[in-house]
């Protein structure tokens, strides 16, 4: 399973490498960017709007345990 965006940055030959999200409404997958067209695999705008279906606030982080989010502060015993 890919957990990082493998899209290319617009104008650069660098991999995007941002976190990947999935739209829980339509199933589209991609990263979140603050401007349209910055990454070739952009799936969401900065306001969490899905680029494919336009739904807002319906994204989930793919593999949060792999990118360092093990638990919330409320459930962290340390």
N, C-alpha and C. Protein backbone atom coordinates (compact mmCIF):
# COMPACT_ATOMS: atom_id res chain seq x y z
N UNK A 1 0.84 -1.18 0.00
CA UNK A 1 0.00 0.00 0.00
C UNK A 1 0.88 1.25 0.00
N UNK A 2 0.59 2.16 -0.90
CA UNK A 2 1.32 3.43 -0.95
C UNK A 2 0.77 4.35 0.12
N UNK A 3 1.66 4.95 0.91
CA UNK A 3 1.21 5.84 1.97
C UNK A 3 1.65 7.28 1.72
N UNK A 4 2.48 7.50 0.73
CA UNK A 4 2.95 8.84 0.36
C UNK A 4 2.62 9.11 -1.09
N UNK A 5 2.31 10.35 -1.40
CA UNK A 5 1.94 10.75 -2.75
C UNK A 5 3.15 10.61 -3.69
N UNK A 6 2.94 9.89 -4.78
CA UNK A 6 4.03 9.70 -5.74
C UNK A 6 3.87 10.60 -6.96
N UNK A 7 2.98 11.58 -6.87
CA UNK A 7 2.80 12.55 -7.95
C UNK A 7 3.99 13.48 -8.05
N UNK A 8 4.10 14.15 -9.19
CA UNK A 8 5.21 15.08 -9.43
C UNK A 8 4.77 16.51 -9.12
N UNK A 9 5.67 17.28 -8.54
CA UNK A 9 5.42 18.69 -8.28
C UNK A 9 5.40 19.44 -9.61
N UNK A 10 4.45 20.33 -9.78
CA UNK A 10 4.34 21.12 -10.99
C UNK A 10 5.58 22.00 -11.17
N UNK A 11 6.25 21.86 -12.32
CA UNK A 11 7.43 22.66 -12.59
C UNK A 11 8.73 22.07 -12.09
N UNK A 12 8.66 20.97 -11.37
CA UNK A 12 9.85 20.32 -10.83
C UNK A 12 9.81 18.84 -11.17
N UNK A 13 10.94 18.21 -11.15
CA UNK A 13 10.97 16.76 -11.36
C UNK A 13 11.08 16.04 -10.02
N UNK A 14 10.52 16.66 -8.99
CA UNK A 14 10.56 16.08 -7.64
C UNK A 14 9.24 15.39 -7.32
N UNK A 15 9.33 14.31 -6.57
CA UNK A 15 8.13 13.62 -6.11
C UNK A 15 7.46 14.46 -5.02
N UNK A 16 6.16 14.48 -5.01
CA UNK A 16 5.41 15.28 -4.04
C UNK A 16 5.67 14.82 -2.61
N UNK A 17 5.49 13.52 -2.34
CA UNK A 17 5.78 12.90 -1.05
C UNK A 17 4.87 13.38 0.09
N UNK A 18 3.71 13.96 -0.21
CA UNK A 18 2.78 14.38 0.84
C UNK A 18 1.97 13.17 1.31
N UNK A 19 1.27 13.33 2.41
CA UNK A 19 0.40 12.26 2.93
C UNK A 19 -0.76 12.03 1.97
N UNK A 20 -1.20 10.79 1.87
CA UNK A 20 -2.31 10.43 1.00
C UNK A 20 -3.61 10.33 1.79
N UNK A 21 -4.68 10.79 1.16
CA UNK A 21 -6.01 10.73 1.75
C UNK A 21 -6.96 10.06 0.78
N UNK A 22 -8.06 9.51 1.32
CA UNK A 22 -9.11 8.91 0.50
C UNK A 22 -10.41 9.63 0.81
N UNK A 23 -11.17 9.92 -0.23
CA UNK A 23 -12.49 10.51 -0.07
C UNK A 23 -13.45 9.40 0.34
N UNK A 24 -14.11 9.57 1.47
CA UNK A 24 -15.03 8.54 1.95
C UNK A 24 -16.34 8.56 1.16
N UNK A 25 -16.55 9.60 0.37
CA UNK A 25 -17.77 9.70 -0.43
C UNK A 25 -17.62 8.99 -1.78
N UNK A 26 -16.53 9.27 -2.51
CA UNK A 26 -16.37 8.71 -3.86
C UNK A 26 -15.21 7.72 -4.00
N UNK A 27 -14.32 7.66 -3.00
CA UNK A 27 -13.20 6.72 -3.05
C UNK A 27 -11.96 7.25 -3.74
N UNK A 28 -11.99 8.49 -4.21
CA UNK A 28 -10.81 9.08 -4.86
C UNK A 28 -9.66 9.18 -3.86
N UNK A 29 -8.44 9.03 -4.35
CA UNK A 29 -7.26 9.09 -3.51
C UNK A 29 -6.30 10.15 -4.03
N UNK A 30 -5.67 10.88 -3.12
CA UNK A 30 -4.68 11.88 -3.51
C UNK A 30 -4.22 12.69 -2.32
N UNK A 31 -3.30 13.59 -2.57
CA UNK A 31 -2.76 14.43 -1.51
C UNK A 31 -3.54 15.74 -1.42
N UNK A 32 -3.28 16.50 -0.39
CA UNK A 32 -3.92 17.81 -0.20
C UNK A 32 -2.89 18.88 -0.49
N UNK A 33 -3.28 19.87 -1.29
CA UNK A 33 -2.40 20.98 -1.64
C UNK A 33 -3.13 22.29 -1.43
N UNK A 34 -2.36 23.38 -1.21
CA UNK A 34 -3.00 24.66 -0.94
C UNK A 34 -3.37 25.44 -2.20
N UNK A 35 -2.91 24.99 -3.36
CA UNK A 35 -3.27 25.62 -4.63
C UNK A 35 -3.57 24.53 -5.65
N UNK A 36 -4.49 24.78 -6.57
CA UNK A 36 -4.80 23.78 -7.59
C UNK A 36 -3.62 23.51 -8.52
N UNK A 37 -3.44 22.26 -8.89
CA UNK A 37 -2.44 21.89 -9.88
C UNK A 37 -1.00 21.87 -9.42
N UNK A 38 -0.75 21.94 -8.13
CA UNK A 38 0.64 21.92 -7.63
C UNK A 38 1.25 20.52 -7.75
N UNK A 39 0.42 19.50 -7.59
CA UNK A 39 0.88 18.12 -7.67
C UNK A 39 0.03 17.36 -8.68
N UNK A 40 0.66 16.48 -9.44
CA UNK A 40 -0.07 15.73 -10.45
C UNK A 40 -1.04 14.71 -9.85
N UNK A 41 -0.88 14.38 -8.57
CA UNK A 41 -1.78 13.44 -7.90
C UNK A 41 -2.62 14.12 -6.81
N UNK A 42 -2.86 15.42 -6.97
CA UNK A 42 -3.65 16.15 -5.99
C UNK A 42 -5.06 15.62 -5.96
N UNK A 43 -5.54 15.30 -4.76
CA UNK A 43 -6.89 14.78 -4.61
C UNK A 43 -7.80 15.72 -3.84
N UNK A 44 -7.19 16.65 -3.07
CA UNK A 44 -7.97 17.53 -2.22
C UNK A 44 -7.38 18.93 -2.21
N UNK A 45 -8.27 19.92 -2.07
CA UNK A 45 -7.85 21.29 -1.88
C UNK A 45 -7.63 21.52 -0.40
N UNK A 46 -7.07 22.65 -0.04
CA UNK A 46 -6.72 22.92 1.35
C UNK A 46 -7.94 22.92 2.28
N UNK A 47 -9.13 23.19 1.76
CA UNK A 47 -10.35 23.18 2.58
C UNK A 47 -10.96 21.78 2.65
N UNK A 48 -10.20 20.75 2.31
CA UNK A 48 -10.61 19.34 2.32
C UNK A 48 -11.66 19.02 1.26
N UNK A 49 -11.75 19.84 0.22
CA UNK A 49 -12.68 19.59 -0.88
C UNK A 49 -12.07 18.59 -1.85
N UNK A 50 -12.80 17.52 -2.12
CA UNK A 50 -12.34 16.49 -3.05
C UNK A 50 -12.33 17.07 -4.47
N UNK A 51 -11.22 16.92 -5.17
CA UNK A 51 -11.09 17.44 -6.52
C UNK A 51 -12.00 16.68 -7.49
N UNK A 52 -12.22 15.40 -7.22
CA UNK A 52 -13.02 14.56 -8.13
C UNK A 52 -14.52 14.81 -7.99
N UNK A 53 -15.06 14.76 -6.76
CA UNK A 53 -16.51 14.85 -6.60
C UNK A 53 -16.99 16.14 -5.95
N UNK A 54 -16.08 16.94 -5.38
CA UNK A 54 -16.46 18.22 -4.78
C UNK A 54 -16.96 18.15 -3.35
N UNK A 55 -17.00 16.97 -2.76
CA UNK A 55 -17.45 16.81 -1.37
C UNK A 55 -16.42 17.44 -0.43
N UNK A 56 -16.88 18.14 0.58
CA UNK A 56 -15.99 18.80 1.55
C UNK A 56 -16.03 18.05 2.88
N UNK A 57 -14.86 17.87 3.49
CA UNK A 57 -14.77 17.28 4.83
C UNK A 57 -14.98 15.78 4.90
N UNK A 58 -14.84 15.09 3.80
CA UNK A 58 -15.05 13.64 3.79
C UNK A 58 -13.78 12.89 3.40
N UNK A 59 -12.64 13.29 3.97
CA UNK A 59 -11.39 12.61 3.64
C UNK A 59 -10.86 11.87 4.87
N UNK A 60 -10.13 10.79 4.61
CA UNK A 60 -9.49 10.05 5.70
C UNK A 60 -8.04 9.80 5.31
N UNK A 61 -7.17 9.91 6.29
CA UNK A 61 -5.75 9.68 6.08
C UNK A 61 -5.51 8.19 5.86
N UNK A 62 -4.78 7.86 4.82
CA UNK A 62 -4.45 6.45 4.56
C UNK A 62 -3.27 6.05 5.44
N UNK A 63 -3.38 4.92 6.07
CA UNK A 63 -2.33 4.32 6.91
C UNK A 63 -1.74 5.30 7.92
N UNK A 64 -2.57 5.87 8.82
CA UNK A 64 -2.04 6.83 9.79
C UNK A 64 -0.95 6.25 10.69
N UNK A 65 -1.02 4.96 10.96
CA UNK A 65 0.01 4.34 11.80
C UNK A 65 1.37 4.30 11.11
N UNK A 66 1.38 4.37 9.79
CA UNK A 66 2.64 4.35 9.03
C UNK A 66 3.27 5.74 8.92
N UNK A 67 2.47 6.80 9.05
CA UNK A 67 3.01 8.16 8.93
C UNK A 67 3.22 8.82 10.28
N UNK A 68 3.08 8.08 11.36
CA UNK A 68 3.43 8.59 12.68
C UNK A 68 2.27 8.97 13.57
N UNK A 69 1.02 8.77 13.15
CA UNK A 69 -0.12 9.09 13.99
C UNK A 69 -0.62 7.81 14.64
N UNK A 70 -0.11 7.50 15.82
CA UNK A 70 -0.46 6.26 16.49
C UNK A 70 -1.75 6.38 17.28
N UNK A 71 -1.97 7.51 17.92
CA UNK A 71 -3.20 7.71 18.68
C UNK A 71 -3.40 9.19 18.93
N UNK A 72 -4.57 9.56 19.39
CA UNK A 72 -4.82 10.96 19.73
C UNK A 72 -4.29 11.23 21.12
N UNK A 73 -4.18 12.49 21.46
CA UNK A 73 -3.67 12.85 22.79
C UNK A 73 -4.60 12.35 23.89
N UNK A 74 -5.88 12.29 23.63
CA UNK A 74 -6.81 11.84 24.65
C UNK A 74 -6.63 10.36 24.97
N UNK A 75 -6.14 9.59 24.02
CA UNK A 75 -5.99 8.15 24.25
C UNK A 75 -4.54 7.73 24.49
N UNK A 76 -3.64 8.71 24.54
CA UNK A 76 -2.23 8.42 24.75
C UNK A 76 -1.94 8.28 26.24
N UNK A 77 -1.53 7.10 26.70
CA UNK A 77 -1.31 6.91 28.13
C UNK A 77 -0.06 7.62 28.64
N UNK A 78 0.80 8.09 27.76
CA UNK A 78 2.04 8.75 28.21
C UNK A 78 1.84 10.21 28.36
